[in-house]
Amino acid sequence: MNTFRRAAAEFIGTCVLVVVGCGTAMTVGCSGTGYLLTALAFGLGLLTMAYSIGNISGCHINPALSFAMLILGKMSYKDFFAYILAQNLGALAGSGILSLIFKMGNLTDRTGVYGANGLGALEGDIAAGLIVELVLTFIFVTAVLGISDREDRTDLSGLISALSLSGVHILGIGLTGTSVNPARSLGPALMSLFVNGNTRPLANLWIFIVAPLAGASLAALVYNWLRGRTGLAED
């Protein structure tokens, strides 16, 4: 299957993830039961796409995961850059769809920022935000690498990945809103700027790009070492 079709699948998958996950956060808010509902929504969004496009693109729908796969030699540079572009455009499209729905329905965005990530709960502590996102991404990416690397992969692989994503969201929503996915952070931040003129999510965006990529890199290196491999591209 050619790169364009795989990238198209990533575009669709990331768009759906943002619509389902961020859309739920915008609808129910991120307090009380909203924590669990939003965490569940992100997991279900991934679950749906895993069984829809998993056999086409691998269903990364996350630049951090694609970066880990690149480090491990599991994808080419050509595919990597195509995936990254598609994922970011998909996230922006998903945020655009949410903006249209909420405007047409005269709905209130209970996050106020299209579900964008932030450091409000951490009182703006950048170091704490970086650590939270690095650790959560490390956990999530390590789980996905372990699942995808198994020779006896089962039909439950998508479910396990989805539960892992919901798990890190349950912990992280009250801290940073949980990114672990640069594209998922970029789309809402840009839409918040374009529609509301709110620059706050964009000011913190670098944290939700750098930390997930660092966490994914660490996950790839540690997983490779735990597997006892001598080369990153070794099968």
Protein backbone atom coordinates (compact mmCIF):
# COMPACT_ATOMS: atom_id res chain seq x y z
CA MET A 1 0.00 0.00 0.00
CA ASN A 2 1.44 3.40 -0.95
CA THR A 3 2.49 6.15 1.41
CA PHE A 4 -0.35 8.48 0.43
CA ARG A 5 -3.03 5.96 1.41
CA ARG A 6 -1.34 5.20 4.72
CA ALA A 7 -1.04 8.92 5.42
CA ALA A 8 -4.70 9.42 4.49
CA ALA A 9 -5.62 6.76 7.05
CA GLU A 10 -3.57 8.62 9.67
CA PHE A 11 -5.34 11.87 8.78
CA ILE A 12 -8.74 10.27 9.28
CA GLY A 13 -7.71 8.47 12.46
CA THR A 14 -6.27 11.56 14.13
CA CYS A 15 -9.27 13.62 13.10
CA VAL A 16 -11.62 11.10 14.71
CA LEU A 17 -9.49 10.92 17.87
CA VAL A 18 -9.70 14.70 18.33
CA VAL A 19 -13.42 14.88 17.54
CA VAL A 20 -14.27 12.10 20.00
CA GLY A 21 -11.76 12.91 22.76
CA CYS A 22 -11.62 16.71 22.72
CA GLY A 23 -15.30 16.89 21.79
CA THR A 24 -16.21 14.97 24.92
CA ALA A 25 -14.02 17.23 27.06
CA MET A 26 -15.68 20.29 25.53
CA THR A 27 -19.13 18.85 26.21
CA VAL A 28 -18.77 17.47 29.74
CA GLY A 29 -15.86 19.49 31.08
CA CYS A 30 -12.84 18.10 32.88
CA SER A 31 -13.97 17.90 36.48
CA GLY A 32 -15.77 15.22 38.45
CA THR A 33 -17.13 12.50 36.20
CA GLY A 34 -15.86 14.52 33.25
CA TYR A 35 -12.40 13.12 33.99
CA LEU A 36 -13.51 9.55 33.45
CA LEU A 37 -15.77 10.30 30.50
CA THR A 38 -13.02 12.18 28.67
CA ALA A 39 -10.45 9.48 29.42
CA LEU A 40 -12.87 6.84 28.18
CA ALA A 41 -13.62 8.87 25.06
CA PHE A 42 -9.97 9.11 24.05
CA GLY A 43 -9.59 5.37 24.59
CA LEU A 44 -12.71 4.58 22.58
CA GLY A 45 -11.58 6.90 19.81
CA LEU A 46 -8.30 5.01 19.56
CA LEU A 47 -10.08 1.67 19.83
CA THR A 48 -12.42 2.51 16.96
CA MET A 49 -9.59 3.60 14.70
CA ALA A 50 -7.32 0.70 15.67
CA TYR A 51 -9.83 -1.75 14.23
CA SER A 52 -10.64 0.54 11.29
CA ILE A 53 -7.25 1.63 9.96
CA GLY A 54 -4.84 -0.51 11.95
CA ASN A 55 -4.28 -2.87 9.04
CA ILE A 56 -3.68 0.09 6.71
CA SER A 57 -1.30 2.42 8.54
CA GLY A 58 -0.73 0.77 11.91
CA CYS A 59 -2.99 3.42 13.48
CA HIS A 60 -0.27 5.55 15.03
CA ILE A 61 -2.44 8.74 14.95
CA ASN A 62 0.24 10.25 17.18
CA PRO A 63 3.55 11.84 16.10
CA ALA A 64 5.23 10.63 19.29
CA LEU A 65 4.42 7.01 18.49
CA SER A 66 5.55 7.46 14.89
CA PHE A 67 8.82 8.93 16.20
CA ALA A 68 9.36 5.87 18.38
CA MET A 69 8.76 3.61 15.39
CA LEU A 70 11.26 5.65 13.35
CA ILE A 71 13.89 5.32 16.08
CA LEU A 72 13.38 1.55 16.15
CA GLY A 73 13.71 1.35 12.36
CA LYS A 74 10.12 0.22 11.93
CA MET A 75 9.24 2.93 9.41
CA SER A 76 11.04 4.91 6.71
CA TYR A 77 11.77 8.63 6.85
CA LYS A 78 9.43 9.11 3.91
CA ASP A 79 6.54 7.48 5.75
CA PHE A 80 7.45 9.27 8.98
CA PHE A 81 7.21 12.77 7.53
CA ALA A 82 4.04 11.85 5.62
CA TYR A 83 2.49 10.51 8.83
CA ILE A 84 3.47 13.61 10.83
CA LEU A 85 1.95 15.96 8.27
CA ALA A 86 -1.23 13.89 8.02
CA GLN A 87 -1.61 13.58 11.80
CA ASN A 88 -1.27 17.31 12.40
CA LEU A 89 -3.64 18.19 9.58
CA GLY A 90 -6.09 15.58 10.87
CA ALA A 91 -6.00 17.08 14.36
CA LEU A 92 -6.59 20.55 12.95
CA ALA A 93 -9.48 19.25 10.85
CA GLY A 94 -10.97 17.56 13.92
CA SER A 95 -10.79 20.80 15.88
CA GLY A 96 -12.35 22.61 12.94
CA ILE A 97 -15.25 20.17 12.90
CA LEU A 98 -15.79 20.70 16.62
CA SER A 99 -15.72 24.47 16.16
CA LEU A 100 -18.37 24.21 13.46
CA ILE A 101 -20.59 21.90 15.51
CA PHE A 102 -20.41 24.04 18.64
CA LYS A 103 -21.03 27.24 16.69
CA MET A 104 -23.99 25.86 14.74
CA GLY A 105 -25.49 24.29 17.85
CA ASN A 106 -24.80 27.34 20.01
CA LEU A 107 -23.07 25.04 22.49
CA THR A 108 -20.75 26.03 25.32
CA ASP A 109 -17.19 24.75 25.26
CA ARG A 110 -16.67 23.79 28.89
CA THR A 111 -12.90 23.76 28.49
CA GLY A 112 -12.90 27.20 26.90
CA VAL A 113 -9.97 26.22 24.66
CA TYR A 114 -11.30 23.45 22.40
CA GLY A 115 -9.87 20.83 24.74
CA ALA A 116 -6.33 22.20 24.46
CA ASN A 117 -3.71 21.23 27.02
CA GLY A 118 -2.39 23.57 29.69
CA LEU A 119 -0.58 23.95 33.00
CA GLY A 120 -3.33 25.59 35.04
CA ALA A 121 -3.61 22.73 37.53
CA LEU A 122 0.18 22.81 37.98
CA GLU A 123 0.12 26.57 38.59
CA GLY A 124 2.10 27.14 35.41
CA ASP A 125 5.05 25.01 36.52
CA ILE A 126 6.80 24.21 33.23
CA ALA A 127 9.17 21.63 34.73
CA ALA A 128 6.28 19.74 36.30
CA GLY A 129 4.38 19.79 33.01
CA LEU A 130 7.37 18.44 31.12
CA ILE A 131 7.84 15.63 33.63
CA VAL A 132 4.16 14.67 33.64
CA GLU A 133 3.96 14.48 29.86
CA LEU A 134 7.28 12.68 29.50
CA VAL A 135 6.30 10.01 32.03
CA LEU A 136 2.78 9.51 30.66
CA THR A 137 4.06 9.26 27.09
CA PHE A 138 6.75 6.81 28.16
CA ILE A 139 4.13 4.58 29.76
CA PHE A 140 1.77 4.71 26.80
CA VAL A 141 4.38 4.24 24.07
CA THR A 142 6.10 1.41 25.94
CA ALA A 143 2.78 -0.41 26.17
CA VAL A 144 2.09 0.03 22.46
CA LEU A 145 5.60 -1.08 21.49
CA GLY A 146 5.22 -4.20 23.59
CA ILE A 147 1.89 -5.04 21.98
CA SER A 148 3.00 -4.36 18.41
CA ASP A 149 6.24 -6.29 18.83
CA ARG A 150 4.65 -9.57 19.90
CA GLU A 151 4.83 -12.42 17.42
CA ASP A 152 1.56 -13.79 18.78
CA ARG A 153 -0.43 -10.57 18.39
CA THR A 154 -4.12 -11.11 19.01
CA ASP A 155 -7.29 -9.26 18.16
CA LEU A 156 -7.07 -7.69 21.61
CA SER A 157 -4.08 -5.52 20.66
CA GLY A 158 -6.25 -2.53 19.82
CA LEU A 159 -8.21 -2.89 23.06
CA ILE A 160 -5.03 -2.99 25.15
CA SER A 161 -3.68 0.12 23.43
CA ALA A 162 -6.98 1.90 24.04
CA LEU A 163 -7.01 0.96 27.72
CA SER A 164 -3.44 2.22 28.05
CA LEU A 165 -4.44 5.58 26.57
CA SER A 166 -7.47 5.84 28.85
CA GLY A 167 -5.27 4.94 31.80
CA VAL A 168 -2.76 7.73 31.28
CA HIS A 169 -5.63 10.15 30.68
CA ILE A 170 -7.23 9.30 34.02
CA LEU A 171 -4.01 10.31 35.75
CA GLY A 172 -3.02 13.23 33.57
CA ILE A 173 -6.27 15.08 32.83
CA GLY A 174 -6.21 16.78 36.22
CA LEU A 175 -2.60 17.86 35.69
CA THR A 176 -2.04 18.88 32.07
CA GLY A 177 -5.20 17.70 30.34
CA THR A 178 -3.07 14.80 29.07
CA SER A 179 -1.45 15.20 25.70
CA VAL A 180 1.01 12.32 25.05
CA ASN A 181 0.30 13.32 21.44
CA PRO A 182 1.71 16.52 19.85
CA ALA A 183 -0.91 16.55 17.08
CA ARG A 184 -3.79 16.29 19.57
CA SER A 185 -2.34 19.37 21.31
CA LEU A 186 -1.60 21.35 18.15
CA GLY A 187 -5.09 21.18 16.62
CA PRO A 188 -7.04 22.59 19.58
CA ALA A 189 -4.35 25.20 20.34
CA LEU A 190 -4.46 26.58 16.80
CA MET A 191 -8.26 26.50 16.67
CA SER A 192 -8.45 28.34 19.99
CA LEU A 193 -6.20 31.02 18.47
CA PHE A 194 -8.02 31.24 15.14
CA VAL A 195 -11.56 31.33 16.53
CA ASN A 196 -11.23 32.89 19.98
CA GLY A 197 -7.97 34.79 19.65
CA ASN A 198 -6.74 32.93 22.73
CA THR A 199 -2.93 32.70 22.66
CA ARG A 200 -2.54 30.91 26.00
CA PRO A 201 -2.72 27.31 24.67
CA LEU A 202 -0.24 28.19 21.92
CA ALA A 203 2.21 29.67 24.43
CA ASN A 204 2.45 26.31 26.22
CA LEU A 205 2.28 24.19 23.08
CA TRP A 206 6.02 23.53 22.93
CA ILE A 207 5.76 21.60 26.19
CA PHE A 208 3.25 19.21 24.64
CA ILE A 209 5.50 18.69 21.64
CA VAL A 210 8.89 18.34 23.32
CA ALA A 211 7.84 16.18 26.29
CA PRO A 212 5.87 13.55 24.31
CA LEU A 213 8.66 13.25 21.73
CA ALA A 214 11.22 12.89 24.52
CA GLY A 215 9.06 10.33 26.31
CA ALA A 216 8.57 8.35 23.11
CA SER A 217 12.31 8.42 22.38
CA LEU A 218 13.07 7.17 25.87
CA ALA A 219 10.44 4.45 25.55
CA ALA A 220 11.95 3.26 22.26
CA LEU A 221 15.48 3.16 23.64
CA VAL A 222 14.52 1.47 26.91
CA TYR A 223 12.27 -1.06 25.18
CA ASN A 224 15.03 -1.87 22.70
CA TRP A 225 17.45 -2.41 25.59
CA LEU A 226 15.01 -4.56 27.55
CA ARG A 227 14.57 -6.75 24.50
CA GLY A 228 18.31 -7.27 24.42
CA ARG A 229 18.80 -5.89 20.94
CA THR A 230 22.15 -4.56 19.80
CA GLY A 231 20.85 -2.30 17.02
CA LEU A 232 17.82 -0.05 16.82
CA ALA A 233 16.76 -1.40 13.47
CA GLU A 234 17.34 -5.04 14.39
CA ASP A 235 14.37 -7.36 13.98
